Protein backbone atom coordinates (compact mmCIF):
# COMPACT_ATOMS: atom_id res chain seq x y z
CA MET A 1 -145.92 -70.20 180.64
CA LEU A 2 -148.50 -70.67 183.34
CA ARG A 3 -148.77 -74.34 182.40
CA GLY A 4 -145.04 -74.72 182.58
CA HIS A 5 -144.79 -73.28 185.96
CA ARG A 6 -147.72 -75.43 187.20
CA ARG A 7 -146.12 -78.68 186.00
CA ALA A 8 -142.72 -77.88 187.57
CA ALA A 9 -144.03 -76.82 190.74
CA ARG A 10 -146.09 -80.30 190.22
CA LEU A 11 -149.57 -79.08 190.87
CA THR A 12 -152.86 -79.86 189.38
CA LEU A 13 -155.55 -77.55 188.27
CA GLU A 14 -157.17 -77.99 191.51
CA GLN A 15 -154.20 -77.51 193.90
CA LEU A 16 -153.23 -74.39 192.28
CA ALA A 17 -156.48 -73.06 192.19
CA GLU A 18 -157.14 -73.70 195.83
CA ALA A 19 -153.25 -72.25 196.77
CA SER A 20 -154.02 -68.95 194.69
CA GLY A 21 -157.62 -68.49 195.20
CA VAL A 22 -158.23 -68.39 191.11
CA SER A 23 -161.25 -71.11 190.08
CA ALA A 24 -159.95 -74.04 188.28
CA ARG A 25 -162.22 -72.76 185.21
CA THR A 26 -160.39 -69.70 185.17
CA LEU A 27 -156.71 -71.47 185.23
CA SER A 28 -157.84 -73.80 182.40
CA ASP A 29 -159.00 -71.00 180.17
CA ILE A 30 -155.71 -69.07 180.61
CA GLU A 31 -153.71 -72.32 179.76
CA ARG A 32 -155.71 -73.01 176.61
CA GLY A 33 -155.44 -69.63 175.40
CA ARG A 34 -158.75 -68.68 175.77
CA SER A 35 -158.11 -66.03 178.08
CA ARG A 36 -154.76 -64.03 176.93
CA GLY A 37 -155.18 -60.98 179.29
CA PRO A 38 -156.25 -61.96 182.78
CA GLN A 39 -156.59 -59.09 185.57
CA GLN A 40 -153.74 -57.86 187.41
CA ARG A 41 -154.71 -59.13 190.95
CA THR A 42 -155.53 -62.82 189.30
CA VAL A 43 -151.81 -62.95 187.97
CA THR A 44 -150.42 -61.59 191.28
CA ALA A 45 -151.91 -64.01 192.96
CA LEU A 46 -150.93 -67.07 190.74
CA ALA A 47 -147.15 -65.61 190.81
CA ASP A 48 -147.61 -65.71 194.70
CA ALA A 49 -149.18 -69.41 194.75
CA LEU A 50 -146.23 -70.57 192.33
CA VAL A 51 -143.46 -68.76 194.46
CA LEU A 52 -142.08 -66.76 191.20
CA ASP A 53 -139.74 -64.14 191.76
CA GLY A 54 -137.07 -62.05 189.91
CA ASP A 55 -136.98 -62.18 186.14
CA THR A 56 -139.28 -64.87 186.23
CA ARG A 57 -142.10 -62.83 187.99
CA THR A 58 -141.65 -60.03 186.20
CA ARG A 59 -141.88 -62.04 182.61
CA PHE A 60 -145.04 -63.67 183.79
CA LEU A 61 -146.94 -60.37 184.81
CA GLU A 62 -145.69 -58.70 181.51
CA LEU A 63 -147.33 -61.39 179.64
CA ALA A 64 -150.46 -60.88 181.16
CA ARG A 65 -150.51 -57.25 180.80
CA ASP A 66 -149.53 -57.44 177.27
CA GLY A 67 -152.15 -59.81 176.64
CA ARG A 68 -154.93 -57.16 178.07
CA LEU A 69 -153.53 -54.62 175.57
CA ASP A 70 -153.78 -56.72 172.66
CA ASP A 71 -157.64 -57.55 173.82
CA HIS A 72 -158.14 -53.63 174.04
CA TRP A 73 -156.38 -53.12 170.58
CA ASN A 74 -158.27 -56.01 168.98
CA ARG A 75 -161.74 -55.05 170.46
CA PRO A 76 -163.88 -53.78 167.41
CA THR A 77 -164.56 -50.00 167.74
CA THR A 78 -167.29 -50.10 165.10
CA GLN A 79 -168.92 -46.92 166.56
CA LEU A 80 -166.04 -45.07 164.08
CA HIS A 81 -168.22 -46.62 161.35
CA GLU A 82 -171.68 -47.06 162.33
CA LEU A 83 -174.57 -47.97 159.76
CA PRO A 84 -176.30 -44.95 158.36
CA ARG A 85 -179.45 -44.18 159.13
CA GLY A 86 -182.08 -46.17 157.41
CA VAL A 87 -185.45 -44.92 156.05
CA GLU A 88 -188.87 -45.93 157.69
CA ASP A 89 -190.79 -46.24 154.39
CA PHE A 90 -188.55 -48.92 152.85
CA THR A 91 -190.68 -50.86 150.39
CA GLY A 92 -190.15 -53.96 148.16
CA ARG A 93 -187.16 -56.12 147.78
CA ALA A 94 -188.28 -59.19 149.41
CA GLN A 95 -186.48 -61.64 147.27
CA GLU A 96 -183.43 -59.44 147.62
CA LEU A 97 -183.77 -59.59 151.37
CA ILE A 98 -184.29 -63.27 151.22
CA TRP A 99 -180.73 -63.30 149.12
CA MET A 100 -179.00 -61.69 151.82
CA SER A 101 -180.36 -64.14 154.58
CA GLY A 102 -178.99 -66.55 152.46
CA LEU A 103 -175.43 -65.12 152.41
CA VAL A 104 -175.29 -64.82 156.05
CA TYR A 105 -175.76 -68.53 156.51
CA ALA A 106 -173.86 -69.56 153.28
CA GLU A 107 -171.07 -72.17 153.96
CA SER A 108 -167.57 -70.82 152.92
CA THR A 109 -164.92 -72.66 151.17
CA PRO A 110 -161.60 -72.91 153.36
CA GLY A 111 -159.72 -69.85 152.67
CA VAL A 112 -162.24 -67.98 150.95
CA GLY A 113 -164.77 -65.21 152.65
CA VAL A 114 -168.21 -65.06 151.66
CA VAL A 115 -168.71 -61.71 149.67
CA GLY A 116 -172.03 -60.25 148.41
CA LEU A 117 -171.82 -57.94 145.55
CA ILE A 118 -175.05 -55.46 144.91
CA THR A 119 -174.81 -53.91 141.51
CA GLY A 120 -177.11 -51.65 139.57
CA SER A 121 -177.29 -48.36 137.88
CA ALA A 122 -177.85 -44.85 139.47
CA GLY A 123 -180.84 -44.42 141.68
CA LEU A 124 -181.72 -48.09 142.12
CA GLY A 125 -181.48 -47.81 145.87
CA LYS A 126 -178.41 -50.06 146.16
CA THR A 127 -177.18 -48.30 149.56
CA THR A 128 -180.65 -47.94 150.96
CA PHE A 129 -181.31 -51.71 150.36
CA ALA A 130 -177.76 -52.73 151.88
CA VAL A 131 -178.16 -50.51 154.82
CA ARG A 132 -182.00 -51.81 155.37
CA ALA A 133 -180.59 -55.40 155.34
CA ALA A 134 -177.70 -54.85 157.49
CA HIS A 135 -179.78 -53.21 160.44
CA ALA A 136 -182.11 -56.43 160.04
CA LEU A 137 -179.01 -58.75 160.11
CA LEU A 138 -177.45 -57.06 163.12
CA PRO A 139 -178.32 -59.67 165.74
CA SER A 140 -176.62 -62.30 163.45
CA PHE A 141 -173.09 -60.38 164.01
CA PRO A 142 -172.33 -60.11 167.62
CA ASP A 143 -169.19 -58.79 166.61
CA GLY A 144 -170.87 -55.53 164.87
CA VAL A 145 -171.30 -54.12 161.56
CA VAL A 146 -168.90 -51.59 160.06
CA PHE A 147 -169.92 -49.28 156.83
CA LEU A 148 -167.47 -47.64 154.93
CA ASP A 149 -168.02 -45.32 152.10
CA LEU A 150 -165.41 -45.89 149.35
CA SER A 151 -166.83 -43.02 147.16
CA GLY A 152 -165.62 -44.82 144.11
CA LEU A 153 -167.03 -42.81 141.48
CA SER A 154 -166.26 -39.48 143.30
CA GLN A 155 -163.54 -37.13 142.12
CA ARG A 156 -161.49 -38.56 145.17
CA PRO A 157 -162.22 -42.21 145.69
CA LEU A 158 -160.63 -43.94 148.87
CA SER A 159 -157.66 -45.76 148.16
CA ALA A 160 -157.41 -49.48 149.12
CA PRO A 161 -154.55 -48.45 151.89
CA ASP A 162 -156.74 -45.61 153.29
CA ALA A 163 -159.73 -48.14 153.39
CA LEU A 164 -157.52 -50.72 155.12
CA ARG A 165 -156.56 -48.03 157.50
CA ALA A 166 -159.87 -47.35 158.49
CA LEU A 167 -160.94 -50.83 158.81
CA LEU A 168 -157.92 -51.54 161.00
CA ARG A 169 -159.31 -49.12 163.21
CA ALA A 170 -162.54 -49.94 163.30
CA LEU A 171 -161.58 -53.49 164.20
CA GLY A 172 -159.63 -51.95 167.19
CA VAL A 173 -156.04 -51.50 165.98
CA PRO A 174 -154.27 -48.31 166.91
CA ASP A 175 -152.29 -45.93 164.35
CA GLN A 176 -149.05 -46.87 165.68
CA ARG A 177 -149.57 -50.69 165.12
CA ILE A 178 -151.18 -50.44 161.52
CA PRO A 179 -148.12 -51.80 159.04
CA PRO A 180 -147.18 -49.22 156.42
CA ASP A 181 -147.29 -51.76 153.57
CA VAL A 182 -150.78 -52.45 152.01
CA HIS A 183 -150.10 -56.07 151.83
CA GLU A 184 -149.41 -56.09 155.31
CA ARG A 185 -152.40 -54.09 156.22
CA ALA A 186 -154.50 -56.56 154.31
CA SER A 187 -153.18 -59.47 156.05
CA LEU A 188 -153.66 -58.30 159.24
CA TYR A 189 -157.10 -57.34 158.19
CA ARG A 190 -157.66 -60.81 157.16
CA SER A 191 -156.45 -62.24 160.15
CA LEU A 192 -158.54 -60.27 162.43
CA MET A 193 -161.65 -60.80 160.33
CA ARG A 194 -161.31 -64.75 160.80
CA ASP A 195 -161.72 -64.68 164.55
CA ARG A 196 -164.62 -62.63 164.39
CA ARG A 197 -168.36 -62.64 162.90
CA MET A 198 -168.75 -59.37 161.61
CA LEU A 199 -170.65 -57.74 158.36
CA VAL A 200 -168.31 -55.14 156.57
CA LEU A 201 -170.59 -52.78 154.24
CA LEU A 202 -168.48 -51.39 151.57
CA ASP A 203 -170.33 -48.87 149.82
CA ASP A 204 -169.97 -47.54 146.31
CA ALA A 205 -166.74 -49.66 145.05
CA GLY A 206 -165.28 -47.96 142.02
CA SER A 207 -163.16 -50.93 140.85
CA GLU A 208 -161.52 -54.29 141.58
CA GLU A 209 -158.38 -52.90 142.50
CA GLN A 210 -160.08 -50.75 145.01
CA VAL A 211 -162.06 -53.63 147.17
CA ARG A 212 -159.82 -56.74 146.37
CA PRO A 213 -157.62 -56.21 149.39
CA LEU A 214 -160.53 -55.72 151.54
CA LEU A 215 -162.13 -59.04 150.78
CA PRO A 216 -161.76 -61.64 153.51
CA GLY A 217 -159.86 -64.85 153.53
CA GLY A 218 -162.24 -67.14 155.37
CA GLY A 219 -164.25 -67.38 158.54
CA ALA A 220 -167.60 -66.23 159.73
CA SER A 221 -167.27 -62.68 158.93
CA ARG A 222 -169.24 -61.47 155.63
CA VAL A 223 -168.37 -58.47 153.40
CA LEU A 224 -170.97 -56.67 151.39
CA ILE A 225 -170.30 -54.25 148.38
CA THR A 226 -172.27 -51.91 146.67
CA THR A 227 -171.36 -50.47 143.06
CA ARG A 228 -172.57 -49.24 139.89
CA ARG A 229 -169.95 -51.25 137.96
CA LEU A 230 -170.39 -54.90 137.14
CA LEU A 231 -166.94 -55.54 138.61
CA ALA A 232 -166.57 -58.50 136.28
CA GLY A 233 -162.98 -59.16 137.39
CA LEU A 234 -163.71 -60.27 141.07
CA GLU A 235 -163.56 -64.04 141.49
CA GLY A 236 -165.85 -65.82 143.78
CA VAL A 237 -168.48 -63.39 144.95
CA ARG A 238 -172.00 -63.90 144.92
CA ARG A 239 -173.86 -61.21 142.88
CA LEU A 240 -177.25 -59.49 143.26
CA ALA A 241 -178.21 -57.23 140.39
CA LEU A 242 -180.95 -54.74 141.69
CA GLY A 243 -183.35 -53.70 139.09
CA PRO A 244 -186.47 -51.25 138.98
CA LEU A 245 -189.14 -51.71 141.41
CA HIS A 246 -192.71 -53.09 140.06
CA LEU A 247 -195.57 -50.62 139.62
CA THR A 248 -197.35 -51.85 142.57
CA GLU A 249 -194.21 -51.52 144.77
CA SER A 250 -193.68 -48.28 143.22
CA THR A 251 -196.94 -47.02 144.26
CA HIS A 252 -196.58 -48.22 147.78
CA LEU A 253 -193.19 -46.55 148.12
CA LEU A 254 -194.68 -43.41 146.78
CA ALA A 255 -197.37 -43.45 149.24
CA GLY A 256 -195.27 -44.42 152.07
CA ILE A 257 -193.13 -41.23 151.42
CA LEU A 258 -196.28 -39.16 151.21
CA ASN A 259 -196.88 -40.52 154.96
CA GLY A 260 -200.74 -40.14 154.64
CA ARG A 261 -201.24 -37.15 152.30
CA ALA A 262 -204.43 -37.88 150.49
CA VAL A 263 -203.53 -38.47 146.72
CA ASP A 264 -205.90 -39.53 144.10
CA ASP A 265 -205.20 -43.21 143.11
CA THR A 266 -205.33 -42.34 139.72
CA ALA A 267 -202.71 -39.24 139.86
CA LEU A 268 -200.55 -41.71 142.07
CA THR A 269 -200.15 -44.55 139.70
CA ARG A 270 -199.12 -41.87 137.10
CA LEU A 271 -196.58 -40.23 138.87
CA ALA A 272 -195.08 -43.78 139.45
CA GLU A 273 -195.21 -45.10 135.96
CA ASN A 274 -193.05 -41.83 134.95
CA CYS A 275 -190.70 -42.62 137.71
CA GLY A 276 -189.87 -45.94 135.84
CA GLY A 277 -189.25 -48.17 139.12
CA LEU A 278 -186.35 -45.88 140.23
CA PRO A 279 -186.48 -45.46 143.84
CA LEU A 280 -184.42 -42.28 143.95
CA ALA A 281 -186.99 -40.60 141.09
CA LEU A 282 -190.05 -41.84 143.40
CA ARG A 283 -188.19 -40.28 146.53
CA ILE A 284 -187.43 -37.11 144.72
CA ILE A 285 -191.03 -36.70 143.61
CA GLY A 286 -192.63 -37.93 147.14
CA ASN A 287 -190.49 -35.23 148.71
CA ARG A 288 -191.58 -32.71 146.46
CA LEU A 289 -195.28 -33.22 147.25
CA LEU A 290 -194.86 -33.68 150.71
CA SER A 291 -192.67 -30.42 151.15
CA ARG A 292 -195.38 -28.40 149.31
CA PRO A 293 -198.69 -29.06 150.74
CA ASN A 294 -200.99 -26.94 148.43
CA TRP A 295 -199.17 -28.82 145.38
CA ASP A 296 -201.79 -30.72 143.18
CA ALA A 297 -200.44 -34.57 142.48
CA ALA A 298 -202.21 -34.56 139.04
CA GLU A 299 -200.91 -31.41 137.98
CA LEU A 300 -197.20 -32.66 138.79
CA ALA A 301 -198.35 -35.89 137.10
CA ALA A 302 -199.06 -33.78 134.12
CA ARG A 303 -195.86 -32.21 133.97
CA LEU A 304 -193.99 -35.35 134.09
CA ALA A 305 -196.21 -36.76 131.24
CA ALA A 306 -194.25 -34.08 128.94
CA GLU A 307 -191.35 -35.90 127.92
CA GLU A 308 -189.28 -32.62 126.83
CA HIS A 309 -189.38 -31.18 130.44
CA ARG A 310 -189.81 -34.52 132.54
CA LEU A 311 -186.28 -34.89 133.68
CA ASP A 312 -186.44 -31.13 135.19
CA GLN A 313 -189.01 -32.06 137.48
CA PHE A 314 -186.66 -34.69 139.32
CA ARG A 315 -185.13 -32.35 141.90
CA ALA A 316 -185.79 -31.74 145.45
CA GLY A 317 -183.23 -30.09 147.39
CA ASP A 318 -179.80 -31.79 146.74
CA LEU A 319 -181.53 -34.66 145.26
CA ARG A 320 -181.35 -34.67 141.40
CA ILE A 321 -181.85 -37.63 139.35
CA ALA A 322 -179.53 -35.89 136.55
CA GLY A 323 -176.95 -35.71 138.94
CA ALA A 324 -176.86 -39.34 139.92
CA PHE A 325 -176.66 -40.07 136.11
CA LYS A 326 -173.90 -37.39 135.44
CA MET A 327 -171.73 -39.17 137.98
CA SER A 328 -171.56 -42.28 136.04
CA TYR A 329 -171.42 -40.45 132.51
CA ASP A 330 -168.10 -38.63 133.87
CA HIS A 331 -166.48 -41.93 134.24
CA LEU A 332 -166.96 -43.04 130.49
CA ALA A 333 -164.21 -42.31 128.00
CA PRO A 334 -164.83 -39.58 125.61
CA SER A 335 -165.69 -41.84 122.60
CA ALA A 336 -168.13 -43.58 124.90
CA GLN A 337 -169.97 -40.34 126.20
CA GLN A 338 -170.40 -39.52 122.33
CA VAL A 339 -171.86 -42.70 121.81
CA PHE A 340 -174.10 -42.59 124.57
CA ARG A 341 -175.32 -38.88 123.81
CA ARG A 342 -176.06 -39.83 120.42
CA LEU A 343 -177.84 -43.19 121.13
CA ALA A 344 -180.62 -41.01 122.27
CA VAL A 345 -182.06 -40.34 118.78
CA VAL A 346 -182.31 -43.94 117.82
CA PRO A 347 -186.22 -44.65 117.83
CA GLY A 348 -187.57 -47.47 119.42
CA ARG A 349 -186.74 -49.27 122.80
CA ASP A 350 -183.95 -51.80 121.65
CA PHE A 351 -181.08 -51.25 119.62
CA ASP A 352 -178.16 -53.51 118.68
CA ALA A 353 -174.31 -52.71 117.86
CA VAL A 354 -175.02 -52.15 114.33
CA VAL A 355 -177.29 -49.57 115.03
CA THR A 356 -174.88 -48.10 117.68
CA SER A 357 -171.92 -48.12 115.08
CA VAL A 358 -174.27 -45.94 112.87
CA ALA A 359 -175.03 -43.56 115.56
CA GLY A 360 -171.68 -43.03 116.92
CA GLY A 361 -170.42 -42.87 113.60
CA LEU A 362 -167.68 -45.41 114.57
CA PRO A 363 -166.35 -49.15 113.47
CA LEU A 364 -168.42 -52.01 114.75
CA GLY A 365 -165.85 -53.47 116.94
CA ASP A 366 -165.29 -49.74 118.83
CA ALA A 367 -169.07 -49.77 119.18
CA TRP A 368 -169.21 -53.37 121.02
CA GLU A 369 -166.66 -52.05 123.43
CA ALA A 370 -168.52 -48.67 123.99
CA LEU A 371 -171.54 -50.78 124.87
CA ASP A 372 -169.72 -52.80 127.14
CA ASP A 373 -168.63 -49.48 129.01
CA LEU A 374 -172.38 -48.29 128.94
CA VAL A 375 -173.68 -51.73 130.41
CA ASP A 376 -170.69 -51.58 133.09
CA LEU A 377 -171.68 -48.68 134.47
CA GLY A 378 -175.42 -49.13 134.46
CA LEU A 379 -176.45 -46.74 131.70
CA LEU A 380 -177.57 -49.02 129.16
CA GLN A 381 -179.34 -52.33 130.10
CA ASP A 382 -178.32 -55.60 128.32
CA GLY A 383 -181.48 -56.86 126.99
CA GLY A 384 -179.80 -60.22 125.77
CA ALA A 385 -179.61 -61.77 122.30
CA GLY A 386 -177.48 -58.91 121.19
CA MET A 387 -180.06 -56.03 122.21
CA TYR A 388 -179.79 -53.28 124.51
CA ARG A 389 -181.91 -50.59 125.91
CA PHE A 390 -182.20 -47.31 127.70
CA HIS A 391 -183.92 -46.62 131.14
CA ASP A 392 -186.27 -43.99 130.06
CA LEU A 393 -185.21 -41.38 132.25
CA VAL A 394 -181.52 -42.35 131.37
CA ARG A 395 -182.55 -41.87 127.63
CA LEU A 396 -183.95 -38.25 128.60
CA PHE A 397 -180.77 -37.66 130.19
CA ALA A 398 -178.79 -38.72 127.18
CA ARG A 399 -180.76 -36.54 124.98
CA ASP A 400 -180.18 -33.48 126.98
CA GLN A 401 -176.28 -34.28 127.04
CA LEU A 402 -176.46 -34.31 123.26
CA GLN A 403 -178.32 -31.04 122.86
CA ALA A 404 -175.89 -29.71 125.35
CA GLU A 405 -172.78 -30.73 123.65
CA GLU A 406 -173.42 -31.31 120.25
CA GLY A 407 -176.46 -29.16 119.45
CA ASP A 408 -175.34 -28.32 115.93
CA GLU A 409 -174.75 -32.03 115.19
CA ALA A 410 -177.96 -33.57 116.64
CA ALA A 411 -180.05 -33.17 113.74
CA ALA A 412 -177.40 -34.53 111.31
CA VAL A 413 -177.07 -37.56 113.60
CA ARG A 414 -180.68 -38.00 113.84
CA GLU A 415 -181.04 -37.89 110.14
CA ARG A 416 -178.34 -40.51 109.56
CA VAL A 417 -179.77 -42.85 112.18
CA THR A 418 -183.22 -42.43 110.06
CA THR A 419 -181.79 -43.06 106.80
CA TRP A 420 -179.95 -45.82 107.63
CA LEU A 421 -182.85 -47.79 109.56
CA LEU A 422 -185.21 -47.11 106.67
CA ARG A 423 -182.92 -48.39 104.12
CA MET A 424 -182.05 -51.25 106.10
CA ALA A 425 -185.70 -52.09 106.72
CA THR A 426 -186.25 -51.73 103.07
CA ALA A 427 -183.59 -54.30 102.11
CA ALA A 428 -184.87 -56.62 104.66
CA GLY A 429 -188.31 -56.56 103.31
CA ARG A 430 -187.17 -56.92 99.73
CA TRP A 431 -185.84 -60.38 100.61
CA PHE A 432 -189.65 -61.67 100.45
CA GLU A 433 -190.54 -60.00 97.12
CA PRO A 434 -191.01 -62.64 94.63
CA GLY A 435 -188.19 -61.92 91.71
CA TYR A 436 -186.33 -58.71 93.65
CA GLY A 437 -183.10 -60.82 94.04
CA ARG A 438 -180.53 -60.74 96.76
CA PRO A 439 -180.41 -57.50 98.81
CA ASP A 440 -177.41 -55.03 98.50
CA PRO A 441 -174.17 -56.45 99.88
CA ASP A 442 -173.74 -53.07 101.78
CA TYR A 443 -176.05 -54.97 104.61
CA PRO A 444 -174.22 -58.19 105.57
CA ALA A 445 -176.53 -58.62 108.46
CA LEU A 446 -179.15 -59.79 106.01
CA GLY A 447 -177.55 -62.43 104.38
CA SER A 448 -180.50 -64.77 104.31
CA ALA A 449 -184.25 -64.60 104.81
CA GLU A 450 -184.18 -65.73 108.11
CA GLN A 451 -181.90 -63.12 109.07
CA ALA A 452 -183.94 -60.63 107.59
CA GLU A 453 -187.20 -61.82 109.34
CA ASP A 454 -185.24 -61.76 112.53
CA TRP A 455 -184.01 -58.25 112.01
CA LEU A 456 -187.33 -56.81 111.28
CA GLN A 457 -188.93 -58.50 114.25
CA ALA A 458 -186.50 -57.69 116.53
CA ASN A 459 -186.04 -53.98 115.29
CA VAL A 460 -189.57 -53.23 114.38
CA GLU A 461 -189.98 -50.12 117.08
CA SER A 462 -186.68 -48.80 115.41
CA TRP A 463 -187.77 -49.05 111.72
CA LEU A 464 -191.39 -47.88 112.46
CA GLY A 465 -190.12 -45.12 114.76
CA ALA A 466 -187.85 -44.15 111.69
CA MET A 467 -190.73 -43.79 109.60
CA ARG A 468 -192.43 -41.34 111.70
CA SER A 469 -189.24 -39.55 112.09
CA GLY A 470 -188.72 -39.78 108.35
CA THR A 471 -192.08 -38.69 107.61
CA ALA A 472 -191.86 -35.41 109.85
CA ALA A 473 -188.16 -34.93 108.08
CA GLY A 474 -189.69 -34.89 104.97
CA GLN A 475 -187.65 -38.08 103.78
CA HIS A 476 -190.97 -39.17 101.90
CA SER A 477 -189.24 -41.36 99.18
CA LEU A 478 -187.38 -43.52 101.76
CA VAL A 479 -190.65 -43.84 103.43
CA LEU A 480 -192.40 -44.81 100.76
CA ASP A 481 -189.92 -47.19 99.57
CA CYS A 482 -190.09 -48.96 102.88
CA ALA A 483 -193.84 -49.42 103.18
CA GLU A 484 -193.74 -50.47 99.46
CA SER A 485 -190.91 -53.31 100.37
CA MET A 486 -193.08 -54.62 103.41
CA HIS A 487 -195.98 -55.77 101.05
CA TRP A 488 -195.04 -59.37 100.78
CA PHE A 489 -193.45 -59.42 104.29
CA SER A 490 -196.37 -58.59 106.05
CA ASP A 491 -198.10 -61.79 104.95
CA ARG A 492 -195.60 -63.74 106.96
CA TRP A 493 -196.49 -61.70 109.88
CA THR A 494 -199.97 -60.98 109.64
CA HIS A 495 -200.83 -60.57 113.30
CA ALA A 496 -198.92 -57.77 113.95
CA SER A 497 -200.52 -54.78 114.99
CA HIS A 498 -198.40 -51.85 113.27
CA TRP A 499 -199.13 -52.99 109.46
CA HIS A 500 -202.05 -50.25 109.13
CA GLU A 501 -199.62 -47.46 110.42
CA VAL A 502 -196.92 -48.66 108.15
CA PHE A 503 -198.91 -48.40 104.90
CA SER A 504 -200.78 -45.47 106.13
CA LEU A 505 -197.23 -43.53 106.34
CA GLY A 506 -196.35 -45.15 102.96
CA ALA A 507 -199.60 -43.41 101.47
CA ASP A 508 -198.80 -40.26 102.92
CA ALA A 509 -195.55 -40.05 101.69
CA ALA A 510 -197.01 -40.69 98.07
CA VAL A 511 -199.17 -38.10 98.63
CA ALA A 512 -196.62 -35.71 99.88
CA LEU A 513 -194.65 -36.99 96.62
CA ALA A 514 -197.76 -36.25 94.47
CA ASP A 515 -197.31 -39.78 92.85
CA PRO A 516 -201.08 -41.02 92.18
CA ALA A 517 -199.74 -44.41 91.07
CA GLN A 518 -198.17 -45.20 94.33
CA GLN A 519 -200.74 -43.56 96.64
CA ALA A 520 -203.02 -46.46 96.42
CA THR A 521 -200.30 -49.58 96.53
CA PRO A 522 -199.62 -48.85 100.25
CA LEU A 523 -203.46 -48.69 101.13
CA ARG A 524 -204.05 -52.19 99.87
CA PRO A 525 -202.01 -53.97 102.35
CA ALA A 526 -203.51 -51.94 105.27
CA SER A 527 -206.93 -53.05 104.50
CA THR A 528 -205.68 -56.73 104.39
CA ALA A 529 -204.20 -56.29 107.74
CA ARG A 530 -207.22 -54.78 109.12
CA ARG A 531 -209.06 -57.83 107.75
CA ALA A 532 -206.66 -60.01 109.44
CA ARG A 533 -207.22 -58.64 112.82
CA ALA A 534 -210.86 -58.55 112.68
CA GLY A 535 -210.53 -62.21 111.34
């Protein structure tokens, strides 16, 4: 409108500037839309210089007033969603912080905003890391940083419409101007984000449906999401999976939490080892020691060494490691919860879907589905090659849940898994015994000698653990059969360290069965294995 009236009056910018007392640069900014809400005295001076009157003058002044209101409404009010307080003793995550810096300066495809997704199981410090990174990157976002807790795994997660309302308010939109329709809210949110350079941190996302409307459509703003779930359905996001801290980082973090309190290096290392690299576990143990000056760190380390009571030690005030795991557990379907609990009886660190189906007492297809759910929520780690594993503390939590919910069935589940592992290992070992013939067709996973060898090597901790469990449970015949079946296979894997134990357990089983003929058989390969290692 200003440009139209100036041209109608046949004035240049310089002439209007001289007539109104408003600088030519200010006039240029107004005409180009860079200044949409000039001060009232400026606009009045321009109206006087242009000799505007009546409705034309009123409309001219109203446009400037509307521009001032728009500037006020669109001004970010991020104080409503300030970043949480960081922690002074933050330790490690150097490579992850470099990843965050790369996210800030990454080029975005037109129409596709840059989104970072931080995933990881309970206790890994996703929020602490994201908050630390956001505080460090504040200078890169002149329009501010907005923090919003989505409470995705709580009993009352924040809905997408309510999240959009909160974000629009943080961007300066008053309640009366927030559209009622969720799609209109998302559209307004994207348009406001496009013209700013902001960082939006969405903490504890629960699902793709919750966060998809909150993603930017382009521009210099960035969105960072933390979640326990993998959110595999989100497209075009940059993913960062947090893992446990290394032992050196763990000891440094624990020492930082203790804030100069003198602790023996050996005790400090033992404490860190039993925390398994989980920052939450380290925080709990450090806080317990710090709040009790008379406690002996070595004594606490000894308590943690006792596996049956270890999980009970991870509580300090309102911090409980079991509570963090329970929140994920409660989001599983009942069938997946049962699989999770029963997997605690599997001896050894790694297991596959077949063992899972045996432990859970369900078909193989259902076992795969349950494993996917457990990995998605961070309760299991996907080790690749079809193998899965627990974090040590998560396994203890699963064991406690099994005892609490299926105490009467726990022994039967353990016996079933032990029996199956012993028979499976025996069938695999028979492949290498001359003249024995093809194993029982009940074991389709052992269709060739190569498959048998692969299974024995990949699951050695499990079937060796089953031999120990079987010995303790009095399953001597199965243990003896398993040891006897390994005679020929041990010649193919001569440098393995476990053969002495395998054949010694077999000899113990023969003694328990009062079978003198079998007692000597397992001992011969044991001595062979010792000579092979010595050589």
